[in-house]
N, C-alpha and C. Protein backbone atom coordinates (compact mmCIF):
# COMPACT_ATOMS: atom_id res chain seq x y z
N MET A 1 -87.89 4.12 -3.07
CA MET A 1 -87.97 3.71 -1.71
C MET A 1 -86.84 4.53 -1.45
N PHE A 2 -85.69 5.11 -1.48
CA PHE A 2 -84.33 6.18 -0.91
C PHE A 2 -85.05 7.12 -1.88
N ILE A 3 -85.45 7.80 -2.78
CA ILE A 3 -85.98 8.24 -3.94
C ILE A 3 -87.62 9.59 -3.42
N ALA A 4 -87.71 8.63 -3.04
CA ALA A 4 -88.98 9.00 -2.34
C ALA A 4 -88.63 10.01 -1.37
N SER A 5 -87.64 9.44 -0.30
CA SER A 5 -87.69 10.20 0.73
C SER A 5 -86.58 11.19 0.87
N LEU A 6 -85.70 10.92 -0.04
CA LEU A 6 -85.44 12.50 -0.72
C LEU A 6 -86.37 13.42 -0.82
N LEU A 7 -87.10 13.17 -2.39
CA LEU A 7 -87.79 14.04 -2.14
C LEU A 7 -89.13 14.63 -1.38
N GLY A 8 -89.45 13.88 -0.27
CA GLY A 8 -90.35 13.82 0.58
C GLY A 8 -89.23 15.23 1.84
N CYS A 9 -88.32 14.75 2.05
CA CYS A 9 -87.30 16.41 2.64
C CYS A 9 -87.30 17.20 1.67
N LEU A 10 -86.91 17.96 0.54
CA LEU A 10 -87.27 18.48 -0.25
C LEU A 10 -89.13 19.54 -0.43
N CYS A 11 -89.86 18.06 -0.01
CA CYS A 11 -91.36 18.81 -0.62
C CYS A 11 -91.79 18.79 0.95
N ASN A 12 -91.37 18.90 1.64
CA ASN A 12 -91.91 18.30 3.36
C ASN A 12 -92.99 17.30 3.26
N GLY A 13 -92.08 16.01 2.72
CA GLY A 13 -93.79 15.58 3.14
C GLY A 13 -94.40 15.38 2.01
N SER A 14 -95.10 15.94 1.35
CA SER A 14 -95.79 15.92 -0.14
C SER A 14 -95.68 15.28 -0.94
N THR A 15 -95.01 13.75 -0.83
CA THR A 15 -94.82 13.13 -2.15
C THR A 15 -95.73 12.21 -2.88
N ASP A 16 -95.99 12.07 -3.99
CA ASP A 16 -97.10 10.70 -4.19
C ASP A 16 -96.80 9.80 -4.94
N PRO A 17 -97.55 8.24 -4.76
CA PRO A 17 -96.22 7.22 -5.28
C PRO A 17 -97.32 7.32 -7.36
N ASP A 18 -98.27 8.45 -7.27
CA ASP A 18 -98.57 8.22 -9.00
C ASP A 18 -98.20 9.31 -8.95
N TRP A 19 -97.20 8.42 -10.44
CA TRP A 19 -96.53 8.68 -11.27
C TRP A 19 -97.01 10.30 -11.83
N ALA A 20 -98.29 10.50 -12.43
CA ALA A 20 -98.84 11.83 -12.71
C ALA A 20 -98.64 12.60 -11.96
N LEU A 21 -99.14 12.47 -10.60
CA LEU A 21 -99.30 13.45 -9.32
C LEU A 21 -97.83 13.89 -9.16
N THR A 22 -96.23 12.69 -9.20
CA THR A 22 -95.38 13.84 -8.61
C THR A 22 -95.03 14.11 -9.76
N LEU A 23 -95.20 14.07 -11.04
CA LEU A 23 -94.69 14.32 -12.79
C LEU A 23 -95.87 16.23 -12.28
N GLN A 24 -96.63 16.61 -11.83
CA GLN A 24 -97.49 17.34 -11.75
C GLN A 24 -96.61 18.42 -10.55
N TYR A 25 -95.99 17.74 -9.59
CA TYR A 25 -95.63 18.67 -9.12
C TYR A 25 -94.12 18.76 -9.28
N VAL A 26 -93.48 17.82 -9.37
CA VAL A 26 -92.14 18.30 -9.90
C VAL A 26 -92.04 19.71 -10.73
N THR A 27 -92.94 19.86 -11.26
CA THR A 27 -93.33 20.82 -12.35
C THR A 27 -93.67 22.02 -12.38
N CYS A 28 -94.83 22.15 -11.07
CA CYS A 28 -95.82 23.03 -10.82
C CYS A 28 -95.35 23.22 -9.12
N ASN A 29 -94.79 22.48 -8.10
CA ASN A 29 -94.70 22.91 -7.06
C ASN A 29 -94.78 24.07 -6.89
N THR A 30 -94.52 24.99 -5.32
CA THR A 30 -94.92 26.18 -4.87
C THR A 30 -93.43 26.24 -4.28
N LEU A 31 -93.11 25.38 -3.87
CA LEU A 31 -91.16 25.74 -3.07
C LEU A 31 -90.56 27.07 -4.04
N GLN A 32 -89.42 27.76 -2.49
CA GLN A 32 -88.57 28.85 -3.64
C GLN A 32 -87.27 28.11 -3.53
N GLY A 33 -86.67 28.66 -3.94
CA GLY A 33 -85.02 28.52 -4.63
C GLY A 33 -84.20 26.84 -5.03
N MET A 34 -83.82 26.87 -3.95
CA MET A 34 -82.58 26.01 -3.73
C MET A 34 -83.56 24.51 -3.98
N ASP A 35 -84.45 24.50 -3.28
CA ASP A 35 -85.16 23.49 -3.35
C ASP A 35 -86.40 23.28 -4.49
N LYS A 36 -87.06 24.13 -4.95
CA LYS A 36 -87.29 24.08 -6.24
C LYS A 36 -86.03 23.18 -6.93
N ILE A 37 -85.08 23.48 -7.39
CA ILE A 37 -83.71 23.36 -8.60
C ILE A 37 -83.98 22.14 -7.89
N LEU A 38 -83.38 21.82 -6.63
CA LEU A 38 -83.40 20.38 -6.12
C LEU A 38 -83.10 19.31 -6.98
N ILE A 39 -85.23 19.57 -6.73
CA ILE A 39 -85.75 18.59 -6.80
C ILE A 39 -86.31 18.68 -8.16
N LYS A 40 -85.81 19.53 -9.12
CA LYS A 40 -85.59 18.87 -10.21
C LYS A 40 -84.91 18.15 -11.10
N MET A 41 -83.66 18.85 -10.18
CA MET A 41 -81.69 18.37 -10.70
C MET A 41 -81.60 16.34 -9.86
N LEU A 42 -82.70 17.00 -9.10
CA LEU A 42 -82.68 14.52 -8.65
C LEU A 42 -83.79 14.01 -9.20
N PHE A 43 -84.81 15.09 -9.76
CA PHE A 43 -85.74 13.90 -11.18
C PHE A 43 -85.20 13.65 -12.21
N GLN A 44 -84.56 14.65 -12.51
CA GLN A 44 -83.79 14.38 -13.70
C GLN A 44 -82.78 13.26 -13.94
N THR A 45 -81.80 13.05 -12.70
CA THR A 45 -80.69 12.22 -12.16
C THR A 45 -81.02 10.95 -12.43
N CYS A 46 -82.13 10.76 -11.22
CA CYS A 46 -83.26 9.70 -10.89
C CYS A 46 -83.57 9.00 -12.12
N ILE A 47 -84.39 9.91 -12.90
CA ILE A 47 -85.11 9.27 -14.30
C ILE A 47 -83.46 8.70 -15.03
N TYR A 48 -82.82 9.57 -15.19
CA TYR A 48 -81.30 8.92 -16.22
C TYR A 48 -80.77 7.25 -15.72
N TYR A 49 -80.87 7.64 -14.17
CA TYR A 49 -80.09 6.10 -14.16
C TYR A 49 -80.75 5.07 -13.79
N LEU A 50 -81.93 5.42 -13.54
CA LEU A 50 -83.21 4.33 -13.54
C LEU A 50 -82.84 3.94 -15.13
N TRP A 51 -82.91 5.19 -15.98
CA TRP A 51 -83.78 3.67 -17.45
C TRP A 51 -82.22 3.26 -17.67
N LYS A 52 -80.81 4.05 -17.04
CA LYS A 52 -79.82 3.19 -17.39
C LYS A 52 -79.24 1.96 -16.58
N GLU A 53 -79.95 1.80 -15.74
CA GLU A 53 -80.21 0.17 -15.21
C GLU A 53 -80.99 -0.56 -15.99
N ARG A 54 -82.48 0.19 -16.17
CA ARG A 54 -83.26 -0.37 -16.90
C ARG A 54 -82.77 -1.29 -18.12
N ASN A 55 -82.00 -0.48 -19.08
CA ASN A 55 -81.63 -0.67 -19.92
C ASN A 55 -80.34 -1.85 -20.01
N GLU A 56 -79.40 -1.68 -19.47
CA GLU A 56 -78.05 -2.45 -18.62
C GLU A 56 -78.92 -3.53 -18.31
N ARG A 57 -79.93 -4.40 -17.56
CA ARG A 57 -80.34 -5.61 -17.23
C ARG A 57 -80.56 -6.02 -18.39
N ARG A 58 -81.44 -5.06 -19.28
CA ARG A 58 -82.14 -5.72 -20.58
C ARG A 58 -81.36 -6.30 -21.19
N HIS A 59 -80.48 -5.49 -21.33
CA HIS A 59 -79.32 -6.05 -22.20
C HIS A 59 -78.47 -6.93 -22.04
N GLN A 60 -78.39 -7.38 -21.25
CA GLN A 60 -77.39 -8.67 -19.95
C GLN A 60 -76.17 -8.32 -19.46
N LYS A 61 -76.14 -6.97 -19.28
CA LYS A 61 -74.98 -6.33 -19.09
C LYS A 61 -74.41 -6.46 -17.46
N GLY A 62 -75.52 -7.11 -16.76
CA GLY A 62 -75.33 -6.67 -14.98
C GLY A 62 -76.33 -6.04 -14.79
N PHE A 63 -76.16 -5.69 -13.42
CA PHE A 63 -76.69 -4.74 -12.50
C PHE A 63 -76.56 -4.42 -11.27
N ARG A 64 -77.23 -3.24 -10.56
CA ARG A 64 -76.72 -2.59 -9.98
C ARG A 64 -77.00 -2.94 -8.77
N SER A 65 -76.98 -2.65 -7.49
CA SER A 65 -77.72 -2.79 -6.25
C SER A 65 -78.02 -1.41 -6.28
N MET A 66 -79.41 -1.51 -5.83
CA MET A 66 -80.30 0.32 -4.92
C MET A 66 -79.19 0.75 -4.46
N ASP A 67 -78.03 0.26 -3.39
CA ASP A 67 -76.90 1.51 -2.19
C ASP A 67 -76.15 1.50 -4.27
N GLN A 68 -76.09 0.98 -5.13
CA GLN A 68 -74.62 1.56 -5.85
C GLN A 68 -75.88 2.54 -7.21
N THR A 69 -76.83 2.27 -6.61
CA THR A 69 -77.02 3.09 -7.80
C THR A 69 -77.95 4.67 -7.04
N ILE A 70 -77.86 4.37 -5.73
CA ILE A 70 -78.23 5.51 -4.26
C ILE A 70 -76.89 6.62 -5.08
N ARG A 71 -75.55 5.70 -4.77
CA ARG A 71 -74.27 6.32 -4.81
C ARG A 71 -74.26 7.02 -5.98
N LEU A 72 -74.49 6.77 -6.90
CA LEU A 72 -74.30 7.08 -8.77
C LEU A 72 -75.40 8.16 -8.50
N ILE A 73 -76.47 8.15 -8.24
CA ILE A 73 -77.05 9.47 -8.31
C ILE A 73 -75.89 10.82 -6.94
N ASP A 74 -76.35 9.97 -6.12
CA ASP A 74 -75.68 11.63 -5.50
C ASP A 74 -74.38 11.91 -5.79
N LYS A 75 -73.63 11.03 -6.75
CA LYS A 75 -72.48 11.82 -7.29
C LYS A 75 -72.78 12.64 -8.49
N ALA A 76 -73.53 11.98 -9.33
CA ALA A 76 -73.86 13.30 -10.05
C ALA A 76 -74.53 13.96 -10.17
N LEU A 77 -75.92 14.02 -9.15
CA LEU A 77 -75.49 15.67 -8.37
C LEU A 77 -74.84 16.19 -7.75
N ARG A 78 -73.91 16.15 -6.93
CA ARG A 78 -72.91 16.59 -6.46
C ARG A 78 -71.91 17.25 -7.61
N ASN A 79 -71.63 16.07 -8.81
CA ASN A 79 -70.83 16.89 -9.69
C ASN A 79 -71.40 17.82 -10.71
N ARG A 80 -72.67 17.52 -11.07
CA ARG A 80 -73.48 18.85 -11.01
C ARG A 80 -73.51 20.67 -10.75
N ILE A 81 -73.84 20.22 -9.78
CA ILE A 81 -73.99 20.82 -8.78
C ILE A 81 -72.59 21.42 -8.58
N SER A 82 -71.41 21.08 -8.17
CA SER A 82 -69.80 21.48 -8.30
C SER A 82 -70.03 22.01 -9.63
N SER A 83 -70.39 21.38 -10.91
CA SER A 83 -69.62 22.71 -12.40
C SER A 83 -70.59 23.89 -11.99
N LEU A 84 -71.09 24.23 -11.67
CA LEU A 84 -72.16 25.29 -11.41
C LEU A 84 -70.86 26.80 -10.94
N ARG A 85 -70.31 26.82 -10.29
CA ARG A 85 -69.63 27.66 -9.42
C ARG A 85 -70.22 28.57 -9.16
N TYR A 86 -71.09 28.71 -8.52
CA TYR A 86 -71.82 29.95 -8.36
C TYR A 86 -71.26 30.82 -6.76
N LYS A 87 -70.84 31.87 -7.40
CA LYS A 87 -69.94 32.86 -6.30
C LYS A 87 -71.03 33.17 -4.99
N GLU A 88 -70.38 33.54 -4.04
CA GLU A 88 -70.81 34.31 -2.94
C GLU A 88 -72.25 34.67 -2.66
N ASP A 89 -72.40 35.50 -3.49
CA ASP A 89 -73.02 36.08 -3.44
C ASP A 89 -74.90 35.84 -4.26
N HIS A 90 -74.51 34.65 -4.95
CA HIS A 90 -75.63 34.33 -5.96
C HIS A 90 -76.12 33.75 -5.20
N LYS A 91 -77.69 33.73 -5.87
CA LYS A 91 -78.86 32.73 -4.65
C LYS A 91 -78.94 31.64 -4.97
N LEU A 92 -78.00 30.83 -5.52
CA LEU A 92 -78.06 29.63 -5.11
C LEU A 92 -76.61 29.26 -4.31
N ALA A 93 -75.38 30.16 -4.11
CA ALA A 93 -74.48 29.49 -3.57
C ALA A 93 -74.55 28.42 -2.25
N GLY A 94 -75.48 28.50 -1.56
CA GLY A 94 -75.22 27.33 -0.63
C GLY A 94 -76.36 26.24 -1.31
N ILE A 95 -76.34 25.79 -2.32
CA ILE A 95 -76.57 24.22 -3.13
C ILE A 95 -76.87 23.25 -2.76
N MET A 96 -74.62 22.87 -2.64
CA MET A 96 -74.47 22.18 -2.35
C MET A 96 -74.57 21.10 -0.37
N GLN A 97 -74.36 22.95 0.39
CA GLN A 97 -74.64 22.23 1.06
C GLN A 97 -76.13 22.06 1.80
N ARG A 98 -76.69 22.98 0.86
CA ARG A 98 -78.42 21.99 0.98
C ARG A 98 -79.04 20.83 0.84
N TRP A 99 -78.12 19.75 -0.45
CA TRP A 99 -77.93 18.92 -1.11
C TRP A 99 -77.39 18.12 0.31
N PHE A 100 -76.41 18.71 0.76
CA PHE A 100 -75.71 17.63 1.97
C PHE A 100 -77.06 17.49 2.74
N GLU A 101 -78.00 18.17 3.67
CA GLU A 101 -78.37 18.11 4.89
C GLU A 101 -79.34 17.49 4.36
N VAL A 102 -79.93 17.27 2.68
CA VAL A 102 -81.16 16.33 2.74
C VAL A 102 -80.24 15.34 2.70
N PHE A 103 -79.58 15.26 1.54
CA PHE A 103 -78.91 12.90 2.42
C PHE A 103 -78.14 13.30 2.41
N THR A 104 -77.42 13.67 3.93
CA THR A 104 -78.05 13.46 4.87
C THR A 104 -78.65 12.86 5.82
N HIS A 105 -79.92 13.92 5.54
CA HIS A 105 -80.56 13.79 6.78
C HIS A 105 -81.42 12.33 5.67
N THR A 106 -81.34 11.85 5.10
CA THR A 106 -82.35 10.83 5.26
C THR A 106 -81.85 9.18 5.89
């Protein structure tokens, strides 16, 4: 639910619950610059943490609430963006600011 709303903010509301259509959109979208990069980063991060959660539940290592998983995804994305260290004149220099806009908008 939350991930769909984040993707909706980045995709101007054009998300679909069908996995094949979502995957096609993530790989072949016509978005520009930061939103295109953020969609791919968000998609990769979500898949990682959802798979990790599935494995932990399957192997009886406990589970996280949806809010905890959302915070992990947010933190992972912030860490990833911070590690890029774009200079001021780089075309994606405002990517962290864009992430904050999208994340706080949901």
